[in-house]
Amino acid sequence: MFMTRAQAIDRATSNTDFARRVGVHYTMASRIRNGKRMPSSTTLSHIQTAFNIQGDLLKSMMAALDAGQTAFGAWVQEHLFSVNASSD
């Protein structure tokens, strides 16, 4: 069976883990994840690099970004956090 790109990502296990990998404070990670804040262009670039986002996944990330902070937060939760990730 083939693994999809989303499954291949080494997903974050908590807001603290996401924050460390992306280079933001854990409260900012929480706000992004919960659709309360949009990432800056620098943070967005760090997210892309930290999680090796490319191809169709990058297209879906950009579409979520264009749809607004609630949609982007949902995208982050779905694609970048493990199912049992803590919210710290």
N, C-alpha and C. Protein backbone atom coordinates (compact mmCIF):
# COMPACT_ATOMS: atom_id res chain seq x y z
N MET A 1 0.84 -1.16 0.00
CA MET A 1 0.00 0.00 0.00
C MET A 1 0.90 1.24 0.00
N PHE A 2 0.49 2.27 -0.75
CA PHE A 2 1.25 3.50 -0.84
C PHE A 2 0.84 4.46 0.26
N MET A 3 1.82 5.17 0.80
CA MET A 3 1.55 6.17 1.82
C MET A 3 1.31 7.51 1.16
N THR A 4 0.27 8.21 1.58
CA THR A 4 0.01 9.53 1.01
C THR A 4 1.01 10.53 1.59
N ARG A 5 1.14 11.66 0.93
CA ARG A 5 2.06 12.69 1.38
C ARG A 5 1.71 13.14 2.81
N ALA A 6 0.44 13.29 3.12
CA ALA A 6 0.04 13.72 4.45
C ALA A 6 0.47 12.71 5.51
N GLN A 7 0.40 11.42 5.18
CA GLN A 7 0.80 10.39 6.13
C GLN A 7 2.31 10.37 6.31
N ALA A 8 3.06 10.79 5.30
CA ALA A 8 4.51 10.74 5.35
C ALA A 8 5.10 11.85 6.21
N ILE A 9 4.34 12.90 6.48
CA ILE A 9 4.83 14.01 7.28
C ILE A 9 5.07 13.55 8.71
N ASP A 10 6.19 13.96 9.27
CA ASP A 10 6.47 13.73 10.68
C ASP A 10 5.67 14.77 11.44
N ARG A 11 4.48 14.39 11.85
CA ARG A 11 3.52 15.33 12.43
C ARG A 11 3.92 15.79 13.82
N ALA A 12 3.48 16.99 14.16
CA ALA A 12 3.73 17.56 15.48
C ALA A 12 2.93 16.79 16.52
N THR A 13 3.48 16.67 17.70
CA THR A 13 2.81 15.95 18.77
C THR A 13 2.17 16.89 19.79
N SER A 14 2.49 18.18 19.71
CA SER A 14 1.93 19.17 20.63
C SER A 14 2.18 20.56 20.07
N ASN A 15 1.54 21.56 20.66
CA ASN A 15 1.82 22.93 20.25
C ASN A 15 3.28 23.28 20.51
N THR A 16 3.84 22.77 21.61
CA THR A 16 5.23 23.04 21.93
C THR A 16 6.15 22.44 20.87
N ASP A 17 5.86 21.23 20.42
CA ASP A 17 6.64 20.58 19.37
C ASP A 17 6.54 21.38 18.07
N PHE A 18 5.34 21.75 17.69
CA PHE A 18 5.12 22.56 16.49
C PHE A 18 5.90 23.87 16.59
N ALA A 19 5.78 24.55 17.73
CA ALA A 19 6.45 25.84 17.95
C ALA A 19 7.97 25.70 17.83
N ARG A 20 8.52 24.67 18.44
CA ARG A 20 9.96 24.45 18.38
C ARG A 20 10.43 24.24 16.95
N ARG A 21 9.69 23.44 16.21
CA ARG A 21 10.08 23.12 14.84
C ARG A 21 9.94 24.31 13.89
N VAL A 22 8.94 25.15 14.15
CA VAL A 22 8.65 26.28 13.26
C VAL A 22 9.39 27.54 13.71
N GLY A 23 9.73 27.63 15.00
CA GLY A 23 10.45 28.79 15.51
C GLY A 23 9.55 29.90 16.00
N VAL A 24 8.40 29.51 16.60
CA VAL A 24 7.49 30.49 17.18
C VAL A 24 7.23 30.10 18.63
N HIS A 25 6.65 31.01 19.40
CA HIS A 25 6.27 30.72 20.77
C HIS A 25 5.10 29.74 20.76
N TYR A 26 5.01 28.90 21.77
CA TYR A 26 3.93 27.89 21.78
C TYR A 26 2.55 28.53 21.79
N THR A 27 2.40 29.73 22.34
CA THR A 27 1.09 30.38 22.31
C THR A 27 0.72 30.77 20.87
N MET A 28 1.71 31.18 20.09
CA MET A 28 1.45 31.48 18.67
C MET A 28 1.08 30.20 17.94
N ALA A 29 1.76 29.12 18.24
CA ALA A 29 1.43 27.82 17.62
C ALA A 29 -0.02 27.46 17.93
N SER A 30 -0.44 27.66 19.17
CA SER A 30 -1.81 27.37 19.56
C SER A 30 -2.79 28.25 18.81
N ARG A 31 -2.48 29.52 18.68
CA ARG A 31 -3.38 30.44 17.98
C ARG A 31 -3.51 30.09 16.50
N ILE A 32 -2.40 29.70 15.87
CA ILE A 32 -2.46 29.28 14.46
C ILE A 32 -3.30 28.02 14.35
N ARG A 33 -3.03 27.04 15.19
CA ARG A 33 -3.73 25.76 15.17
C ARG A 33 -5.22 25.91 15.40
N ASN A 34 -5.60 26.86 16.25
CA ASN A 34 -7.01 27.05 16.58
C ASN A 34 -7.71 28.07 15.70
N GLY A 35 -7.05 28.52 14.65
CA GLY A 35 -7.67 29.45 13.71
C GLY A 35 -7.87 30.84 14.27
N LYS A 36 -7.05 31.23 15.23
CA LYS A 36 -7.15 32.55 15.84
C LYS A 36 -6.14 33.53 15.27
N ARG A 37 -5.13 33.03 14.58
CA ARG A 37 -4.07 33.86 14.03
C ARG A 37 -3.59 33.29 12.70
N MET A 38 -3.22 34.19 11.80
CA MET A 38 -2.61 33.78 10.54
C MET A 38 -1.10 33.89 10.71
N PRO A 39 -0.35 32.98 10.10
CA PRO A 39 1.10 33.07 10.20
C PRO A 39 1.63 34.20 9.31
N SER A 40 2.73 34.80 9.73
CA SER A 40 3.41 35.77 8.87
C SER A 40 4.00 35.01 7.69
N SER A 41 4.46 35.73 6.70
CA SER A 41 5.07 35.06 5.53
C SER A 41 6.33 34.30 5.95
N THR A 42 7.07 34.84 6.93
CA THR A 42 8.26 34.14 7.42
C THR A 42 7.86 32.86 8.14
N THR A 43 6.85 32.94 9.00
CA THR A 43 6.39 31.75 9.73
C THR A 43 5.83 30.72 8.75
N LEU A 44 5.11 31.18 7.76
CA LEU A 44 4.56 30.27 6.75
C LEU A 44 5.70 29.52 6.04
N SER A 45 6.75 30.24 5.71
CA SER A 45 7.91 29.61 5.08
C SER A 45 8.56 28.60 6.02
N HIS A 46 8.64 28.93 7.31
CA HIS A 46 9.21 27.99 8.28
C HIS A 46 8.33 26.75 8.44
N ILE A 47 7.02 26.92 8.39
CA ILE A 47 6.10 25.78 8.45
C ILE A 47 6.35 24.87 7.25
N GLN A 48 6.44 25.47 6.08
CA GLN A 48 6.67 24.70 4.85
C GLN A 48 7.98 23.91 4.95
N THR A 49 9.02 24.55 5.42
CA THR A 49 10.32 23.89 5.53
C THR A 49 10.32 22.82 6.61
N ALA A 50 9.79 23.17 7.79
CA ALA A 50 9.82 22.25 8.93
C ALA A 50 9.08 20.95 8.66
N PHE A 51 8.01 21.04 7.87
CA PHE A 51 7.20 19.85 7.60
C PHE A 51 7.36 19.34 6.16
N ASN A 52 8.32 19.92 5.44
CA ASN A 52 8.62 19.50 4.07
C ASN A 52 7.36 19.46 3.21
N ILE A 53 6.62 20.56 3.23
CA ILE A 53 5.36 20.65 2.50
C ILE A 53 5.65 21.05 1.05
N GLN A 54 5.16 20.23 0.13
CA GLN A 54 5.37 20.49 -1.29
C GLN A 54 4.27 19.84 -2.12
N GLY A 55 4.27 20.13 -3.40
CA GLY A 55 3.32 19.52 -4.32
C GLY A 55 1.88 19.83 -3.99
N ASP A 56 1.03 18.81 -4.07
CA ASP A 56 -0.41 18.98 -3.83
C ASP A 56 -0.71 19.46 -2.41
N LEU A 57 0.11 19.03 -1.46
CA LEU A 57 -0.10 19.46 -0.08
C LEU A 57 0.17 20.96 0.05
N LEU A 58 1.16 21.45 -0.66
CA LEU A 58 1.44 22.89 -0.67
C LEU A 58 0.28 23.66 -1.29
N LYS A 59 -0.27 23.12 -2.37
CA LYS A 59 -1.43 23.77 -3.00
C LYS A 59 -2.61 23.83 -2.04
N SER A 60 -2.85 22.74 -1.32
CA SER A 60 -3.98 22.74 -0.38
C SER A 60 -3.71 23.68 0.79
N MET A 61 -2.45 23.79 1.21
CA MET A 61 -2.10 24.72 2.28
C MET A 61 -2.37 26.15 1.83
N MET A 62 -1.98 26.49 0.62
CA MET A 62 -2.19 27.85 0.12
C MET A 62 -3.67 28.16 -0.06
N ALA A 63 -4.45 27.17 -0.47
CA ALA A 63 -5.90 27.36 -0.60
C ALA A 63 -6.52 27.62 0.77
N ALA A 64 -6.08 26.89 1.78
CA ALA A 64 -6.57 27.10 3.14
C ALA A 64 -6.17 28.48 3.64
N LEU A 65 -4.97 28.89 3.33
CA LEU A 65 -4.51 30.21 3.72
C LEU A 65 -5.37 31.30 3.09
N ASP A 66 -5.68 31.13 1.82
CA ASP A 66 -6.54 32.09 1.12
C ASP A 66 -7.95 32.12 1.69
N ALA A 67 -8.40 31.00 2.26
CA ALA A 67 -9.76 30.91 2.80
C ALA A 67 -9.91 31.57 4.17
N GLY A 68 -8.80 31.92 4.81
CA GLY A 68 -8.87 32.62 6.09
C GLY A 68 -8.33 31.82 7.25
N GLN A 69 -8.26 32.49 8.38
CA GLN A 69 -7.59 31.89 9.53
C GLN A 69 -8.29 30.66 10.07
N THR A 70 -9.60 30.61 10.05
CA THR A 70 -10.31 29.42 10.54
C THR A 70 -10.00 28.22 9.65
N ALA A 71 -10.05 28.42 8.34
CA ALA A 71 -9.74 27.34 7.40
C ALA A 71 -8.28 26.91 7.51
N PHE A 72 -7.39 27.88 7.68
CA PHE A 72 -5.98 27.54 7.80
C PHE A 72 -5.72 26.76 9.09
N GLY A 73 -6.34 27.18 10.18
CA GLY A 73 -6.19 26.44 11.44
C GLY A 73 -6.67 25.00 11.31
N ALA A 74 -7.79 24.82 10.64
CA ALA A 74 -8.31 23.46 10.42
C ALA A 74 -7.34 22.65 9.57
N TRP A 75 -6.76 23.29 8.55
CA TRP A 75 -5.79 22.60 7.69
C TRP A 75 -4.57 22.18 8.50
N VAL A 76 -4.08 23.08 9.34
CA VAL A 76 -2.91 22.78 10.17
C VAL A 76 -3.21 21.59 11.08
N GLN A 77 -4.37 21.61 11.73
CA GLN A 77 -4.74 20.50 12.62
C GLN A 77 -4.81 19.18 11.86
N GLU A 78 -5.44 19.23 10.68
CA GLU A 78 -5.63 17.99 9.92
C GLU A 78 -4.33 17.43 9.36
N HIS A 79 -3.46 18.30 8.87
CA HIS A 79 -2.28 17.83 8.13
C HIS A 79 -0.98 17.84 8.91
N LEU A 80 -0.86 18.65 9.95
CA LEU A 80 0.44 18.80 10.60
C LEU A 80 0.51 18.27 12.03
N PHE A 81 -0.65 17.94 12.61
CA PHE A 81 -0.66 17.42 13.98
C PHE A 81 -1.12 15.97 13.98
N SER A 82 -0.49 15.17 14.83
CA SER A 82 -0.93 13.78 14.96
C SER A 82 -2.31 13.78 15.59
N VAL A 83 -3.03 12.71 15.39
CA VAL A 83 -4.41 12.59 15.86
C VAL A 83 -4.52 12.83 17.35
N ASN A 84 -3.57 12.33 18.10
CA ASN A 84 -3.62 12.43 19.57
C ASN A 84 -2.74 13.56 20.11
N ALA A 85 -2.42 14.55 19.27
CA ALA A 85 -1.55 15.63 19.69
C ALA A 85 -2.17 16.44 20.81
N SER A 86 -1.34 16.75 21.80
CA SER A 86 -1.85 17.57 22.90
C SER A 86 -1.86 19.03 22.49
N SER A 87 -2.70 19.79 23.15
CA SER A 87 -2.79 21.20 22.84
C SER A 87 -1.98 22.03 23.82
N ASP A 88 -1.22 21.37 24.68
CA ASP A 88 -0.39 22.03 25.70
C ASP A 88 -1.22 23.00 26.47
